[in-house]
PDB file of N, CA and C in Angstrom:
ATOM      1  N   MET A   1      83.761 114.564  74.864  1.00  0.00           N
ATOM      2  CA  MET A   1      84.474 115.422  76.027  1.00  0.00           C
ATOM      3  C   MET A   1      83.722 115.727  77.568  1.00  0.00           C
ATOM      4  N   PRO A   2      84.142 115.616  78.100  1.00  0.00           N
ATOM      5  CA  PRO A   2      82.855 116.016  79.661  1.00  0.00           C
ATOM      6  C   PRO A   2      82.502 117.371  79.565  1.00  0.00           C
ATOM      7  N   GLN A   3      81.447 117.363  80.377  1.00  0.00           N
ATOM      8  CA  GLN A   3      80.296 118.380  80.369  1.00  0.00           C
ATOM      9  C   GLN A   3      80.970 118.892  82.013  1.00  0.00           C
ATOM     10  N   ILE A   4      81.302 118.365  82.877  1.00  0.00           N
ATOM     11  CA  ILE A   4      81.215 119.168  84.272  1.00  0.00           C
ATOM     12  C   ILE A   4      82.666 119.856  84.554  1.00  0.00           C
ATOM     13  N   LYS A   5      82.930 120.628  85.390  1.00  0.00           N
ATOM     14  CA  LYS A   5      84.364 121.475  85.265  1.00  0.00           C
ATOM     15  C   LYS A   5      84.877 120.700  86.245  1.00  0.00           C
ATOM     16  N   SER A   6      84.809 119.896  86.747  1.00  0.00           N
ATOM     17  CA  SER A   6      86.388 118.988  87.530  1.00  0.00           C
ATOM     18  C   SER A   6      86.411 118.145  86.768  1.00  0.00           C
ATOM     19  N   ALA A   7      85.445 117.281  85.632  1.00  0.00           N
ATOM     20  CA  ALA A   7      85.599 116.071  85.173  1.00  0.00           C
ATOM     21  C   ALA A   7      86.584 116.493  83.995  1.00  0.00           C
ATOM     22  N   LYS A   8      86.560 118.289  83.731  1.00  0.00           N
ATOM     23  CA  LYS A   8      87.291 118.608  82.458  1.00  0.00           C
ATOM     24  C   LYS A   8      89.216 118.696  82.937  1.00  0.00           C
ATOM     25  N   LYS A   9      88.861 119.103  84.216  1.00  0.00           N
ATOM     26  CA  LYS A   9      89.991 119.332  84.573  1.00  0.00           C
ATOM     27  C   LYS A   9      90.920 117.691  84.819  1.00  0.00           C
ATOM     28  N   ARG A  10      90.080 117.074  84.690  1.00  0.00           N
ATOM     29  CA  ARG A  10      90.937 115.812  85.625  1.00  0.00           C
ATOM     30  C   ARG A  10      91.592 115.496  84.657  1.00  0.00           C
ATOM     31  N   VAL A  11      90.408 116.168  83.021  1.00  0.00           N
ATOM     32  CA  VAL A  11      90.983 115.250  81.619  1.00  0.00           C
ATOM     33  C   VAL A  11      92.358 115.214  81.809  1.00  0.00           C
ATOM     34  N   LEU A  12      92.616 117.418  81.863  1.00  0.00           N
ATOM     35  CA  LEU A  12      94.166 118.134  81.452  1.00  0.00           C
ATOM     36  C   LEU A  12      95.167 117.417  82.680  1.00  0.00           C
ATOM     37  N   THR A  13      94.748 116.742  84.074  1.00  0.00           N
ATOM     38  CA  THR A  13      95.735 116.123  84.815  1.00  0.00           C
ATOM     39  C   THR A  13      96.328 114.774  84.671  1.00  0.00           C
ATOM     40  N   GLN A  14      95.222 114.628  83.671  1.00  0.00           N
ATOM     41  CA  GLN A  14      95.481 113.020  83.568  1.00  0.00           C
ATOM     42  C   GLN A  14      96.335 112.672  82.156  1.00  0.00           C
ATOM     43  N   GLU A  15      96.206 113.966  81.412  1.00  0.00           N
ATOM     44  CA  GLU A  15      97.217 114.398  80.228  1.00  0.00           C
ATOM     45  C   GLU A  15      98.808 114.310  80.522  1.00  0.00           C
ATOM     46  N   ALA A  16      98.416 115.328  81.518  1.00  0.00           N
ATOM     47  CA  ALA A  16      99.969 115.618  81.776  1.00  0.00           C
ATOM     48  C   ALA A  16     100.760 114.547  82.748  1.00  0.00           C
ATOM     49  N   ALA A  17      99.779 113.827  83.280  1.00  0.00           N
ATOM     50  CA  ALA A  17     100.546 112.785  84.113  1.00  0.00           C
ATOM     51  C   ALA A  17     101.186 111.587  82.752  1.00  0.00           C
ATOM     52  N   ARG A  18     100.430 111.905  82.210  1.00  0.00           N
ATOM     53  CA  ARG A  18     100.472 110.846  81.030  1.00  0.00           C
ATOM     54  C   ARG A  18     102.035 111.025  80.448  1.00  0.00           C
ATOM     55  N   GLN A  19     101.480 111.793  79.862  1.00  0.00           N
ATOM     56  CA  GLN A  19     103.486 112.520  79.725  1.00  0.00           C
ATOM     57  C   GLN A  19     104.531 112.393  80.402  1.00  0.00           C
ATOM     58  N   ARG A  20     104.185 113.058  81.663  1.00  0.00           N
ATOM     59  CA  ARG A  20     105.163 112.880  82.171  1.00  0.00           C
ATOM     60  C   ARG A  20     105.736 111.106  82.642  1.00  0.00           C
ATOM     61  N   ASN A  21     104.700 110.374  82.793  1.00  0.00           N
ATOM     62  CA  ASN A  21     105.077 109.158  83.006  1.00  0.00           C
ATOM     63  C   ASN A  21     105.907 108.516  81.812  1.00  0.00           C
ATOM     64  N   ALA A  22     105.408 109.014  80.619  1.00  0.00           N
ATOM     65  CA  ALA A  22     106.009 108.507  79.448  1.00  0.00           C
ATOM     66  C   ALA A  22     107.610 109.185  79.293  1.00  0.00           C
ATOM     67  N   SER A  23     107.551 110.088  79.391  1.00  0.00           N
ATOM     68  CA  SER A  23     109.222 110.706  79.496  1.00  0.00           C
ATOM     69  C   SER A  23     110.181 110.411  80.215  1.00  0.00           C
ATOM     70  N   GLN A  24     109.716 109.530  81.571  1.00  0.00           N
ATOM     71  CA  GLN A  24     110.545 109.209  82.816  1.00  0.00           C
ATOM     72  C   GLN A  24     110.596 107.513  82.477  1.00  0.00           C
ATOM     73  N   ARG A  25     109.250 107.141  81.636  1.00  0.00           N
ATOM     74  CA  ARG A  25     109.387 105.952  81.113  1.00  0.00           C
ATOM     75  C   ARG A  25     110.833 105.141  80.343  1.00  0.00           C
ATOM     76  N   ASN A  26     110.413 106.722  79.001  1.00  0.00           N
ATOM     77  CA  ASN A  26     111.225 106.304  78.401  1.00  0.00           C
ATOM     78  C   ASN A  26     112.724 106.845  78.729  1.00  0.00           C
ATOM     79  N   ALA A  27     113.058 108.035  79.386  1.00  0.00           N
ATOM     80  CA  ALA A  27     114.390 108.326  80.375  1.00  0.00           C
ATOM     81  C   ALA A  27     114.606 106.400  80.697  1.00  0.00           C
ATOM     82  N   MET A  28     114.572 105.775  81.734  1.00  0.00           N
ATOM     83  CA  MET A  28     114.504 104.631  82.398  1.00  0.00           C
ATOM     84  C   MET A  28     114.965 103.795  80.876  1.00  0.00           C
ATOM     85  N   ARG A  29     114.573 103.999  79.954  1.00  0.00           N
ATOM     86  CA  ARG A  29     114.639 102.491  79.234  1.00  0.00           C
ATOM     87  C   ARG A  29     116.255 102.987  78.459  1.00  0.00           C
ATOM     88  N   SER A  30     116.140 104.602  78.056  1.00  0.00           N
ATOM     89  CA  SER A  30     117.334 105.174  77.656  1.00  0.00           C
ATOM     90  C   SER A  30     118.486 104.029  78.075  1.00  0.00           C
ATOM     91  N   ALA A  31     118.478 104.411  79.330  1.00  0.00           N
ATOM     92  CA  ALA A  31     119.772 104.916  80.460  1.00  0.00           C
ATOM     93  C   ALA A  31     120.166 103.077  80.072  1.00  0.00           C
ATOM     94  N   VAL A  32     119.019 102.340  80.690  1.00  0.00           N
ATOM     95  CA  VAL A  32     119.829 100.941  80.402  1.00  0.00           C
ATOM     96  C   VAL A  32     119.953 100.375  78.708  1.00  0.00           C
ATOM     97  N   LYS A  33     119.346 100.777  77.764  1.00  0.00           N
ATOM     98  CA  LYS A  33     120.096 100.744  76.763  1.00  0.00           C
ATOM     99  C   LYS A  33     121.099 100.818  76.698  1.00  0.00           C
ATOM    100  N   ASN A  34     121.717 102.123  76.923  1.00  0.00           N
ATOM    101  CA  ASN A  34     123.134 102.914  76.919  1.00  0.00           C
ATOM    102  C   ASN A  34     123.974 102.008  77.680  1.00  0.00           C
ATOM    103  N   PHE A  35     123.801 101.666  78.909  1.00  0.00           N
ATOM    104  CA  PHE A  35     124.766 100.323  79.807  1.00  0.00           C
ATOM    105  C   PHE A  35     124.822  99.277  79.088  1.00  0.00           C
ATOM    106  N   LYS A  36     124.014  98.759  78.220  1.00  0.00           N
ATOM    107  CA  LYS A  36     124.075  97.550  77.772  1.00  0.00           C
ATOM    108  C   LYS A  36     125.312  97.856  76.226  1.00  0.00           C
ATOM    109  N   ALA A  37     124.434  99.217  75.612  1.00  0.00           N
ATOM    110  CA  ALA A  37     125.268  99.005  74.572  1.00  0.00           C
ATOM    111  C   ALA A  37     127.032  99.436  74.852  1.00  0.00           C
ATOM    112  N   ALA A  38     127.232  99.835  76.178  1.00  0.00           N
ATOM    113  CA  ALA A  38     128.345 100.250  76.737  1.00  0.00           C
ATOM    114  C   ALA A  38     129.613  99.186  76.706  1.00  0.00           C
ATOM    115  N   LYS A  39     128.178  98.485  77.781  1.00  0.00           N
ATOM    116  CA  LYS A  39     129.179  96.870  78.004  1.00  0.00           C
ATOM    117  C   LYS A  39     129.542  95.997  77.012  1.00  0.00           C
ATOM    118  N   ALA A  40     128.857  95.752  75.482  1.00  0.00           N
ATOM    119  CA  ALA A  40     128.744  94.943  74.434  1.00  0.00           C
ATOM    120  C   ALA A  40     129.932  95.512  74.338  1.00  0.00           C
ATOM    121  N   THR A  41     130.467  96.845  73.942  1.00  0.00           N
ATOM    122  CA  THR A  41     131.556  96.813  73.745  1.00  0.00           C
ATOM    123  C   THR A  41     132.886  97.272  74.477  1.00  0.00           C
ATOM    124  N   ASN A  42     132.382  97.207  75.497  1.00  0.00           N
ATOM    125  CA  ASN A  42     133.720  97.364  76.493  1.00  0.00           C
ATOM    126  C   ASN A  42     134.169  98.624  77.043  1.00  0.00           C
ATOM    127  N   ALA A  43     133.123  99.609  76.559  1.00  0.00           N
ATOM    128  CA  ALA A  43     133.245 100.629  77.224  1.00  0.00           C
ATOM    129  C   ALA A  43     133.933 101.526  77.920  1.00  0.00           C
ATOM    130  N   ASP A  44     134.990 102.181  78.398  1.00  0.00           N
ATOM    131  CA  ASP A  44     135.405 102.229  80.641  1.00  0.00           C
ATOM    132  C   ASP A  44     134.521 103.127  80.847  1.00  0.00           C
ATOM    133  N   ASN A  45     133.483 103.910  80.506  1.00  0.00           N
ATOM    134  CA  ASN A  45     132.688 104.289  81.219  1.00  0.00           C
ATOM    135  C   ASN A  45     131.234 103.488  81.689  1.00  0.00           C
ATOM    136  N   ALA A  46     131.183 102.233  81.507  1.00  0.00           N
ATOM    137  CA  ALA A  46     129.871 101.399  82.225  1.00  0.00           C
ATOM    138  C   ALA A  46     129.763 101.408  83.178  1.00  0.00           C
ATOM    139  N   ALA A  47     130.953 101.276  83.941  1.00  0.00           N
ATOM    140  CA  ALA A  47     130.592 101.430  85.697  1.00  0.00           C
ATOM    141  C   ALA A  47     129.841 102.416  85.932  1.00  0.00           C
ATOM    142  N   ASP A  48     129.860 103.704  85.439  1.00  0.00           N
ATOM    143  CA  ASP A  48     129.345 104.499  85.464  1.00  0.00           C
ATOM    144  C   ASP A  48     127.522 104.815  84.796  1.00  0.00           C
ATOM    145  N   LEU A  49     127.530 103.991  84.015  1.00  0.00           N
ATOM    146  CA  LEU A  49     126.365 104.064  82.990  1.00  0.00           C
ATOM    147  C   LEU A  49     125.612 103.071  84.190  1.00  0.00           C
ATOM    148  N   PHE A  50     125.685 102.008  84.198  1.00  0.00           N
ATOM    149  CA  PHE A  50     125.646 100.630  85.542  1.00  0.00           C
ATOM    150  C   PHE A  50     124.937 101.489  86.454  1.00  0.00           C
ATOM    151  N   LYS A  51     125.330 102.459  87.170  1.00  0.00           N
ATOM    152  CA  LYS A  51     125.139 103.312  88.346  1.00  0.00           C
ATOM    153  C   LYS A  51     123.842 103.911  88.035  1.00  0.00           C
ATOM    154  N   THR A  52     124.023 104.969  86.455  1.00  0.00           N
ATOM    155  CA  THR A  52     122.598 105.537  86.663  1.00  0.00           C
ATOM    156  C   THR A  52     121.718 104.696  85.846  1.00  0.00           C
ATOM    157  N   ALA A  53     121.945 103.168  85.123  1.00  0.00           N
ATOM    158  CA  ALA A  53     120.692 103.286  84.924  1.00  0.00           C
ATOM    159  C   ALA A  53     119.942 102.266  85.950  1.00  0.00           C
ATOM    160  N   THR A  54     120.538 101.364  86.809  1.00  0.00           N
ATOM    161  CA  THR A  54     120.001 100.932  88.647  1.00  0.00           C
ATOM    162  C   THR A  54     119.725 102.009  89.147  1.00  0.00           C
ATOM    163  N   ARG A  55     120.108 103.529  88.970  1.00  0.00           N
ATOM    164  CA  ARG A  55     119.365 104.771  89.624  1.00  0.00           C
ATOM    165  C   ARG A  55     117.789 105.226  88.822  1.00  0.00           C
ATOM    166  N   ALA A  56     118.175 105.100  87.484  1.00  0.00           N
ATOM    167  CA  ALA A  56     116.811 104.876  86.615  1.00  0.00           C
ATOM    168  C   ALA A  56     115.710 104.573  87.154  1.00  0.00           C
ATOM    169  N   ILE A  57     115.673 103.017  87.531  1.00  0.00           N
ATOM    170  CA  ILE A  57     115.204 102.294  87.878  1.00  0.00           C
ATOM    171  C   ILE A  57     113.958 101.984  89.031  1.00  0.00           C
ATOM    172  N   ASP A  58     115.688 102.917  90.000  1.00  0.00           N
ATOM    173  CA  ASP A  58     114.890 102.984  91.083  1.00  0.00           C
ATOM    174  C   ASP A  58     113.825 104.136  91.302  1.00  0.00           C
ATOM    175  N   MET A  59     114.076 105.590  90.384  1.00  0.00           N
ATOM    176  CA  MET A  59     113.164 106.004  90.290  1.00  0.00           C
ATOM    177  C   MET A  59     111.664 105.919  89.502  1.00  0.00           C
ATOM    178  N   ALA A  60     112.095 105.359  88.760  1.00  0.00           N
ATOM    179  CA  ALA A  60     110.242 104.273  88.159  1.00  0.00           C
ATOM    180  C   ALA A  60     109.871 103.864  89.075  1.00  0.00           C
ATOM    181  N   LYS A  61     110.396 102.768  90.057  1.00  0.00           N
ATOM    182  CA  LYS A  61     109.786 101.967  91.071  1.00  0.00           C
ATOM    183  C   LYS A  61     109.449 103.078  91.914  1.00  0.00           C
ATOM    184  N   SER A  62     109.894 104.289  92.478  1.00  0.00           N
ATOM    185  CA  SER A  62     109.522 104.825  93.760  1.00  0.00           C
ATOM    186  C   SER A  62     108.722 105.918  93.167  1.00  0.00           C
ATOM    187  N   LYS A  63     108.111 105.883  91.526  1.00  0.00           N
ATOM    188  CA  LYS A  63     107.512 106.748  90.983  1.00  0.00           C
ATOM    189  C   LYS A  63     106.193 106.256  90.662  1.00  0.00           C
ATOM    190  N   GLY A  64     106.812 104.860  90.460  1.00  0.00           N
ATOM    191  CA  GLY A  64     104.820 103.872  90.398  1.00  0.00           C
ATOM    192  C   GLY A  64     105.132 103.740  89.118  1.00  0.00           C
ATOM    193  N   LEU A  65     106.263 103.530  88.374  1.00  0.00           N
ATOM    194  CA  LEU A  65     106.064 103.363  87.378  1.00  0.00           C
ATOM    195  C   LEU A  65     105.749 101.946  86.687  1.00  0.00           C
ATOM    196  N   ILE A  66     106.773 100.939  87.311  1.00  0.00           N
ATOM    197  CA  ILE A  66     106.795 100.296  87.476  1.00  0.00           C
ATOM    198  C   ILE A  66     106.937  99.399  88.401  1.00  0.00           C
ATOM    199  N   HIS A  67     106.683  98.209  88.424  1.00  0.00           N
ATOM    200  CA  HIS A  67     106.119  96.789  89.811  1.00  0.00           C
ATOM    201  C   HIS A  67     107.608  97.140  90.560  1.00  0.00           C
ATOM    202  N   SER A  68     107.687  96.808  92.118  1.00  0.00           N
ATOM    203  CA  SER A  68     108.767  96.732  92.750  1.00  0.00           C
ATOM    204  C   SER A  68     109.415  95.452  91.966  1.00  0.00           C
ATOM    205  N   ASN A  69     108.861  94.028  91.902  1.00  0.00           N
ATOM    206  CA  ASN A  69     109.251  93.104  91.603  1.00  0.00           C
ATOM    207  C   ASN A  69     110.214  93.010  89.944  1.00  0.00           C
ATOM    208  N   LYS A  70     109.318  93.615  88.861  1.00  0.00           N
ATOM    209  CA  LYS A  70     109.945  93.670  87.802  1.00  0.00           C
ATOM    210  C   LYS A  70     111.050  94.657  88.004  1.00  0.00           C
ATOM    211  N   ALA A  71     111.135  95.926  88.949  1.00  0.00           N
ATOM    212  CA  ALA A  71     112.828  96.797  89.405  1.00  0.00           C
ATOM    213  C   ALA A  71     113.604  95.419  90.040  1.00  0.00           C
ATOM    214  N   GLY A  72     113.392  95.186  90.433  1.00  0.00           N
ATOM    215  CA  GLY A  72     114.491  93.668  91.107  1.00  0.00           C
ATOM    216  C   GLY A  72     115.093  93.415  90.331  1.00  0.00           C
ATOM    217  N   ARG A  73     113.897  92.695  88.687  1.00  0.00           N
ATOM    218  CA  ARG A  73     114.588  91.726  88.228  1.00  0.00           C
ATOM    219  C   ARG A  73     115.783  92.043  87.227  1.00  0.00           C
ATOM    220  N   ASP A  74     114.913  93.511  86.726  1.00  0.00           N
ATOM    221  CA  ASP A  74     115.607  94.467  85.671  1.00  0.00           C
ATOM    222  C   ASP A  74     117.400  95.002  86.433  1.00  0.00           C
ATOM    223  N   LYS A  75     117.075  95.384  88.103  1.00  0.00           N
ATOM    224  CA  LYS A  75     118.381  94.928  88.527  1.00  0.00           C
ATOM    225  C   LYS A  75     119.301  94.145  88.308  1.00  0.00           C
ATOM    226  N   SER A  76     118.435  93.183  89.217  1.00  0.00           N
ATOM    227  CA  SER A  76     119.784  91.686  89.287  1.00  0.00           C
ATOM    228  C   SER A  76     120.230  91.694  87.497  1.00  0.00           C
ATOM    229  N   ARG A  77     119.654  91.623  86.803  1.00  0.00           N
ATOM    230  CA  ARG A  77     120.023  91.200  85.164  1.00  0.00           C
ATOM    231  C   ARG A  77     121.098  92.469  84.880  1.00  0.00           C
ATOM    232  N   LEU A  78     120.868  93.378  84.997  1.00  0.00           N
ATOM    233  CA  LEU A  78     121.943  94.238  84.988  1.00  0.00           C
ATOM    234  C   LEU A  78     123.596  94.155  85.415  1.00  0.00           C
ATOM    235  N   ALA A  79     122.365  93.873  86.717  1.00  0.00           N
ATOM    236  CA  ALA A  79     123.807  93.284  87.879  1.00  0.00           C
ATOM    237  C   ALA A  79     124.976  92.706  87.918  1.00  0.00           C
ATOM    238  N   ALA A  80     124.311  91.045  86.607  1.00  0.00           N
ATOM    239  CA  ALA A  80     124.856  89.973  86.232  1.00  0.00           C
ATOM    240  C   ALA A  80     125.678  90.253  85.143  1.00  0.00           C
ATOM    241  N   LEU A  81     124.953  91.435  84.216  1.00  0.00           N
ATOM    242  CA  LEU A  81     125.997  91.551  82.903  1.00  0.00           C
ATOM    243  C   LEU A  81     127.000  92.408  83.126  1.00  0.00           C
ATOM    244  N   ASN A  82     126.964  93.337  84.038  1.00  0.00           N
ATOM    245  CA  ASN A  82     128.201  94.157  84.609  1.00  0.00           C
ATOM    246  C   ASN A  82     129.106  93.311  85.380  1.00  0.00           C
ATOM    247  N   ASN A  83     128.547  92.228  85.957  1.00  0.00           N
ATOM    248  CA  ASN A  83     129.694  91.518  86.458  1.00  0.00           C
ATOM    249  C   ASN A  83     130.167  90.186  85.347  1.00  0.00           C
ATOM    250  N   LYS A  84     129.712  90.497  84.655  1.00  0.00           N
ATOM    251  CA  LYS A  84     130.182  89.658  83.322  1.00  0.00           C
ATOM    252  C   LYS A  84     131.944  89.932  82.932  1.00  0.00           C
TER     253      LYS A  84
END
């Protein structure tokens, strides 16, 4: 445990950021999973879920949670699955 006041504050800030990042990453993964499941069952709301999933990927990219190349790759794969 740190002794310096600023280091103690930094530990708290890092933990808050870690939890926020984990939550946002989990939301992105859930959105992608929901779209894939809907597409596999030919659900009628697959187009809406595709839009939600791509938006979640874009948000994760803008927050720095994932690299821009990974975001592009994931969106490309989702679009190919959506167009099938």
